[in-house]
Amino acid sequence: PSVLLFDEPLSNLDAKLRGDMRIELRELQN
């Protein structure tokens, strides 16, 4: 896709997994 839209995609995850996924999503976007 030309654009990715995220609507609170991590809010259902536990705190530790949410923190890990933040890093993964940011690295993937880069």
All heavy atoms as atom14 arrays in JSON, in Angstrom:
{
  "sequence": "PSVLLFDEPLSNLDAKLRGDMRIELRELQN",
  "atom14_mask": [
    [1, 1, 1, 1, 1, 1, 1, 0, 0, 0, 0, 0, 0, 0],
    [1, 1, 1, 1, 1, 1, 0, 0, 0, 0, 0, 0, 0, 0],
    [1, 1, 1, 1, 1, 1, 1, 0, 0, 0, 0, 0, 0, 0],
    [1, 1, 1, 1, 1, 1, 1, 1, 0, 0, 0, 0, 0, 0],
    [1, 1, 1, 1, 1, 1, 1, 1, 0, 0, 0, 0, 0, 0],
    [1, 1, 1, 1, 1, 1, 1, 1, 1, 1, 1, 0, 0, 0],
    [1, 1, 1, 1, 1, 1, 1, 1, 0, 0, 0, 0, 0, 0],
    [1, 1, 1, 1, 1, 1, 1, 1, 1, 0, 0, 0, 0, 0],
    [1, 1, 1, 1, 1, 1, 1, 0, 0, 0, 0, 0, 0, 0],
    [1, 1, 1, 1, 1, 1, 1, 1, 0, 0, 0, 0, 0, 0],
    [1, 1, 1, 1, 1, 1, 0, 0, 0, 0, 0, 0, 0, 0],
    [1, 1, 1, 1, 1, 1, 1, 1, 0, 0, 0, 0, 0, 0],
    [1, 1, 1, 1, 1, 1, 1, 1, 0, 0, 0, 0, 0, 0],
    [1, 1, 1, 1, 1, 1, 1, 1, 0, 0, 0, 0, 0, 0],
    [1, 1, 1, 1, 1, 0, 0, 0, 0, 0, 0, 0, 0, 0],
    [1, 1, 1, 1, 1, 1, 1, 1, 1, 0, 0, 0, 0, 0],
    [1, 1, 1, 1, 1, 1, 1, 1, 0, 0, 0, 0, 0, 0],
    [1, 1, 1, 1, 1, 1, 1, 1, 1, 1, 1, 0, 0, 0],
    [1, 1, 1, 1, 0, 0, 0, 0, 0, 0, 0, 0, 0, 0],
    [1, 1, 1, 1, 1, 1, 1, 1, 0, 0, 0, 0, 0, 0],
    [1, 1, 1, 1, 1, 1, 1, 1, 0, 0, 0, 0, 0, 0],
    [1, 1, 1, 1, 1, 1, 1, 1, 1, 1, 1, 0, 0, 0],
    [1, 1, 1, 1, 1, 1, 1, 1, 0, 0, 0, 0, 0, 0],
    [1, 1, 1, 1, 1, 1, 1, 1, 1, 0, 0, 0, 0, 0],
    [1, 1, 1, 1, 1, 1, 1, 1, 0, 0, 0, 0, 0, 0],
    [1, 1, 1, 1, 1, 1, 1, 1, 1, 1, 1, 0, 0, 0],
    [1, 1, 1, 1, 1, 1, 1, 1, 1, 0, 0, 0, 0, 0],
    [1, 1, 1, 1, 1, 1, 1, 1, 0, 0, 0, 0, 0, 0],
    [1, 1, 1, 1, 1, 1, 1, 1, 1, 0, 0, 0, 0, 0],
    [1, 1, 1, 1, 1, 1, 1, 1, 0, 0, 0, 0, 0, 0]
  ],
  "atom14_positions": [
    [[0.83, -1.21, 0.0], [0.0, 0.0, 0.0], [0.86, 1.25, 0.0], [2.02, 1.24, 0.43], [-0.79, -0.13, 1.31], [0.12, -0.91, 2.2], [0.81, -1.9, 1.31], [0.0, 0.0, 0.0], [0.0, 0.0, 0.0], [0.0, 0.0, 0.0], [0.0, 0.0, 0.0], [0.0, 0.0, 0.0], [0.0, 0.0, 0.0], [0.0, 0.0, 0.0]],
    [[0.27, 2.35, -0.47], [1.0, 3.61, -0.48], [1.0, 4.25, 0.9], [1.9, 5.01, 1.25], [0.37, 4.58, -1.48], [-0.99, 4.81, -1.18], [0.0, 0.0, 0.0], [0.0, 0.0, 0.0], [0.0, 0.0, 0.0], [0.0, 0.0, 0.0], [0.0, 0.0, 0.0], [0.0, 0.0, 0.0], [0.0, 0.0, 0.0], [0.0, 0.0, 0.0]],
    [[-0.01, 3.92, 1.71], [-0.14, 4.48, 3.05], [-0.64, 3.4, 4.0], [-1.52, 2.61, 3.64], [-1.13, 5.68, 3.06], [-1.44, 6.11, 4.49], [-0.59, 6.84, 2.26], [0.0, 0.0, 0.0], [0.0, 0.0, 0.0], [0.0, 0.0, 0.0], [0.0, 0.0, 0.0], [0.0, 0.0, 0.0], [0.0, 0.0, 0.0], [0.0, 0.0, 0.0]],
    [[-0.08, 3.36, 5.21], [-0.56, 2.46, 6.25], [-1.27, 3.28, 7.32], [-0.75, 4.3, 7.79], [0.61, 1.71, 6.9], [1.12, 0.45, 6.19], [2.38, -0.08, 6.88], [0.05, -0.63, 6.17], [0.0, 0.0, 0.0], [0.0, 0.0, 0.0], [0.0, 0.0, 0.0], [0.0, 0.0, 0.0], [0.0, 0.0, 0.0], [0.0, 0.0, 0.0]],
    [[-2.46, 2.82, 7.71], [-3.23, 3.48, 8.75], [-3.37, 2.52, 9.94], [-3.71, 1.35, 9.76], [-4.63, 3.86, 8.24], [-4.68, 4.7, 6.95], [-6.13, 4.96, 6.56], [-3.93, 6.01, 7.12], [0.0, 0.0, 0.0], [0.0, 0.0, 0.0], [0.0, 0.0, 0.0], [0.0, 0.0, 0.0], [0.0, 0.0, 0.0], [0.0, 0.0, 0.0]],
    [[-3.1, 3.02, 11.14], [-3.16, 2.21, 12.35], [-4.16, 2.82, 13.32], [-4.0, 3.97, 13.73], [-1.79, 2.14, 13.04], [-0.72, 1.48, 12.22], [0.12, 2.24, 11.42], [-0.52, 0.11, 12.27], [1.12, 1.64, 10.67], [0.48, -0.5, 11.53], [1.29, 0.27, 10.73], [0.0, 0.0, 0.0], [0.0, 0.0, 0.0], [0.0, 0.0, 0.0]],
    [[-5.18, 2.04, 13.7], [-6.17, 2.52, 14.66], [-5.99, 1.8, 15.99], [-6.55, 0.73, 16.21], [-7.59, 2.29, 14.12], [-8.66, 2.9, 15.02], [-8.29, 3.69, 15.91], [-9.84, 2.57, 14.84], [0.0, 0.0, 0.0], [0.0, 0.0, 0.0], [0.0, 0.0, 0.0], [0.0, 0.0, 0.0], [0.0, 0.0, 0.0], [0.0, 0.0, 0.0]],
    [[-5.16, 2.37, 16.87], [-4.86, 1.81, 18.2], [-4.6, 0.3, 18.13], [-5.25, -0.49, 18.83], [-6.0, 2.13, 19.18], [-6.31, 3.61, 19.25], [-6.95, 4.03, 20.56], [-6.53, 3.54, 21.62], [-7.87, 4.86, 20.52], [0.0, 0.0, 0.0], [0.0, 0.0, 0.0], [0.0, 0.0, 0.0], [0.0, 0.0, 0.0], [0.0, 0.0, 0.0]],
    [[-3.65, -0.14, 17.31], [-3.47, -1.57, 17.07], [-2.89, -2.35, 18.24], [-2.95, -3.58, 18.24], [-2.52, -1.61, 15.87], [-1.71, -0.36, 16.02], [-2.67, 0.66, 16.55], [0.0, 0.0, 0.0], [0.0, 0.0, 0.0], [0.0, 0.0, 0.0], [0.0, 0.0, 0.0], [0.0, 0.0, 0.0], [0.0, 0.0, 0.0], [0.0, 0.0, 0.0]],
    [[-2.33, -1.67, 19.22], [-1.66, -2.38, 20.32], [-2.45, -2.35, 21.63], [-1.99, -2.9, 22.63], [-0.27, -1.77, 20.57], [0.66, -1.67, 19.35], [2.01, -1.13, 19.77], [0.8, -3.01, 18.65], [0.0, 0.0, 0.0], [0.0, 0.0, 0.0], [0.0, 0.0, 0.0], [0.0, 0.0, 0.0], [0.0, 0.0, 0.0], [0.0, 0.0, 0.0]],
    [[-3.61, -1.75, 21.63], [-4.32, -1.52, 22.9], [-4.81, -2.81, 23.54], [-5.1, -2.83, 24.74], [-5.48, -0.56, 22.68], [-6.39, -1.08, 21.73], [0.0, 0.0, 0.0], [0.0, 0.0, 0.0], [0.0, 0.0, 0.0], [0.0, 0.0, 0.0], [0.0, 0.0, 0.0], [0.0, 0.0, 0.0], [0.0, 0.0, 0.0], [0.0, 0.0, 0.0]],
    [[-4.93, -3.91, 22.77], [-5.41, -5.17, 23.35], [-4.29, -6.06, 23.88], [-4.56, -7.16, 24.37], [-6.22, -5.96, 22.3], [-7.56, -5.31, 22.01], [-8.1, -4.59, 22.85], [-8.09, -5.55, 20.84], [0.0, 0.0, 0.0], [0.0, 0.0, 0.0], [0.0, 0.0, 0.0], [0.0, 0.0, 0.0], [0.0, 0.0, 0.0], [0.0, 0.0, 0.0]],
    [[-3.05, -5.61, 23.77], [-1.91, -6.42, 24.19], [-1.51, -6.08, 25.62], [-1.78, -4.99, 26.12], [-0.73, -6.19, 23.26], [-0.97, -6.46, 21.76], [0.29, -6.16, 20.96], [-1.44, -7.88, 21.52], [0.0, 0.0, 0.0], [0.0, 0.0, 0.0], [0.0, 0.0, 0.0], [0.0, 0.0, 0.0], [0.0, 0.0, 0.0], [0.0, 0.0, 0.0]],
    [[-0.84, -7.03, 26.29], [-0.35, -6.75, 27.64], [0.81, -5.75, 27.57], [1.38, -5.51, 26.5], [0.08, -8.03, 28.35], [1.24, -8.74, 27.66], [2.36, -8.22, 27.7], [1.01, -9.82, 27.08], [0.0, 0.0, 0.0], [0.0, 0.0, 0.0], [0.0, 0.0, 0.0], [0.0, 0.0, 0.0], [0.0, 0.0, 0.0], [0.0, 0.0, 0.0]],
    [[1.17, -5.2, 28.72], [2.1, -4.08, 28.76], [3.46, -4.41, 28.15], [4.01, -3.63, 27.36], [2.28, -3.6, 30.2], [0.0, 0.0, 0.0], [0.0, 0.0, 0.0], [0.0, 0.0, 0.0], [0.0, 0.0, 0.0], [0.0, 0.0, 0.0], [0.0, 0.0, 0.0], [0.0, 0.0, 0.0], [0.0, 0.0, 0.0], [0.0, 0.0, 0.0]],
    [[4.02, -5.57, 28.48], [5.35, -5.93, 27.96], [5.31, -6.15, 26.45], [6.17, -5.65, 25.71], [5.9, -7.16, 28.65], [7.33, -7.5, 28.2], [7.87, -8.73, 28.87], [9.34, -8.95, 28.5], [9.56, -8.97, 27.04], [0.0, 0.0, 0.0], [0.0, 0.0, 0.0], [0.0, 0.0, 0.0], [0.0, 0.0, 0.0], [0.0, 0.0, 0.0]],
    [[4.29, -6.9, 25.99], [4.19, -7.16, 24.56], [3.92, -5.88, 23.79], [4.43, -5.68, 22.68], [3.08, -8.18, 24.3], [2.9, -8.65, 22.85], [4.21, -9.2, 22.3], [1.8, -9.69, 22.77], [0.0, 0.0, 0.0], [0.0, 0.0, 0.0], [0.0, 0.0, 0.0], [0.0, 0.0, 0.0], [0.0, 0.0, 0.0], [0.0, 0.0, 0.0]],
    [[3.14, -4.98, 24.39], [2.87, -3.7, 23.75], [4.17, -2.92, 23.57], [4.41, -2.33, 22.51], [1.88, -2.9, 24.6], [1.33, -1.68, 23.91], [0.05, -1.19, 24.57], [0.25, -0.8, 25.96], [-0.32, -1.38, 26.99], [-1.12, -2.42, 26.81], [-0.11, -0.96, 28.22], [0.0, 0.0, 0.0], [0.0, 0.0, 0.0], [0.0, 0.0, 0.0]],
    [[5.04, -2.94, 24.58], [6.32, -2.25, 24.47], [7.19, -2.86, 23.4], [7.86, -2.14, 22.63], [0.0, 0.0, 0.0], [0.0, 0.0, 0.0], [0.0, 0.0, 0.0], [0.0, 0.0, 0.0], [0.0, 0.0, 0.0], [0.0, 0.0, 0.0], [0.0, 0.0, 0.0], [0.0, 0.0, 0.0], [0.0, 0.0, 0.0], [0.0, 0.0, 0.0]],
    [[7.21, -4.21, 23.3], [8.01, -4.88, 22.27], [7.48, -4.56, 20.88], [8.25, -4.32, 19.94], [8.0, -6.39, 22.5], [8.73, -6.8, 23.77], [9.54, -6.0, 24.26], [8.48, -7.92, 24.27], [0.0, 0.0, 0.0], [0.0, 0.0, 0.0], [0.0, 0.0, 0.0], [0.0, 0.0, 0.0], [0.0, 0.0, 0.0], [0.0, 0.0, 0.0]],
    [[6.16, -4.57, 20.74], [5.56, -4.33, 19.42], [5.76, -2.89, 18.96], [5.82, -2.62, 17.75], [4.07, -4.67, 19.46], [3.77, -6.17, 19.47], [4.35, -7.02, 17.98], [3.3, -6.26, 16.72], [0.0, 0.0, 0.0], [0.0, 0.0, 0.0], [0.0, 0.0, 0.0], [0.0, 0.0, 0.0], [0.0, 0.0, 0.0], [0.0, 0.0, 0.0]],
    [[5.84, -1.96, 19.89], [6.13, -0.57, 19.49], [7.44, -0.51, 18.72], [7.54, 0.13, 17.66], [6.26, 0.32, 20.73], [4.98, 0.66, 21.43], [5.3, 1.4, 22.71], [4.15, 1.47, 23.59], [4.23, 1.63, 24.9], [5.41, 1.75, 25.49], [3.15, 1.69, 25.63], [0.0, 0.0, 0.0], [0.0, 0.0, 0.0], [0.0, 0.0, 0.0]],
    [[8.45, -1.19, 19.26], [9.76, -1.18, 18.63], [9.7, -1.87, 17.27], [10.24, -1.37, 16.27], [10.79, -1.88, 19.54], [10.92, -1.11, 20.86], [12.15, -1.98, 18.84], [11.77, -1.81, 21.9], [0.0, 0.0, 0.0], [0.0, 0.0, 0.0], [0.0, 0.0, 0.0], [0.0, 0.0, 0.0], [0.0, 0.0, 0.0], [0.0, 0.0, 0.0]],
    [[9.02, -3.02, 17.21], [8.92, -3.76, 15.95], [8.18, -2.95, 14.89], [8.62, -2.9, 13.73], [8.21, -5.09, 16.18], [9.03, -6.09, 16.99], [8.38, -7.46, 17.01], [7.58, -7.76, 16.09], [8.67, -8.23, 17.93], [0.0, 0.0, 0.0], [0.0, 0.0, 0.0], [0.0, 0.0, 0.0], [0.0, 0.0, 0.0], [0.0, 0.0, 0.0]],
    [[7.08, -2.32, 15.25], [6.31, -1.54, 14.29], [7.13, -0.35, 13.78], [7.1, -0.03, 12.59], [5.01, -1.04, 14.92], [3.85, -2.02, 14.97], [2.66, -1.39, 15.68], [3.44, -2.47, 13.58], [0.0, 0.0, 0.0], [0.0, 0.0, 0.0], [0.0, 0.0, 0.0], [0.0, 0.0, 0.0], [0.0, 0.0, 0.0], [0.0, 0.0, 0.0]],
    [[7.84, 0.3, 14.69], [8.64, 1.46, 14.28], [9.77, 1.04, 13.34], [10.02, 1.69, 12.32], [9.22, 2.13, 15.54], [10.04, 3.38, 15.25], [9.24, 4.41, 14.47], [9.92, 5.68, 14.4], [9.68, 6.59, 13.48], [8.78, 6.38, 12.54], [10.32, 7.74, 13.48], [0.0, 0.0, 0.0], [0.0, 0.0, 0.0], [0.0, 0.0, 0.0]],
    [[10.44, -0.07, 13.65], [11.51, -0.55, 12.79], [10.97, -0.97, 11.42], [11.59, -0.71, 10.39], [12.24, -1.71, 13.45], [13.08, -1.29, 14.66], [13.77, -2.46, 15.32], [13.42, -3.62, 15.0], [14.66, -2.22, 16.17], [0.0, 0.0, 0.0], [0.0, 0.0, 0.0], [0.0, 0.0, 0.0], [0.0, 0.0, 0.0], [0.0, 0.0, 0.0]],
    [[9.79, -1.6, 11.41], [9.2, -2.02, 10.15], [8.82, -0.82, 9.3], [9.04, -0.8, 8.09], [7.97, -2.89, 10.43], [7.23, -3.43, 9.2], [8.16, -4.34, 8.39], [5.97, -4.19, 9.61], [0.0, 0.0, 0.0], [0.0, 0.0, 0.0], [0.0, 0.0, 0.0], [0.0, 0.0, 0.0], [0.0, 0.0, 0.0], [0.0, 0.0, 0.0]],
    [[8.26, 0.2, 9.93], [7.88, 1.4, 9.18], [9.12, 2.06, 8.57], [9.09, 2.52, 7.43], [7.15, 2.38, 10.11], [6.48, 3.56, 9.41], [7.39, 4.76, 9.23], [8.32, 4.97, 10.01], [7.14, 5.54, 8.21], [0.0, 0.0, 0.0], [0.0, 0.0, 0.0], [0.0, 0.0, 0.0], [0.0, 0.0, 0.0], [0.0, 0.0, 0.0]],
    [[10.22, 2.07, 9.32], [11.46, 2.65, 8.8], [12.0, 1.84, 7.62], [12.48, 2.4, 6.63], [12.51, 2.73, 9.91], [12.22, 3.84, 10.91], [11.58, 4.84, 10.56], [12.69, 3.69, 12.13], [0.0, 0.0, 0.0], [0.0, 0.0, 0.0], [0.0, 0.0, 0.0], [0.0, 0.0, 0.0], [0.0, 0.0, 0.0], [0.0, 0.0, 0.0]]
  ]
}
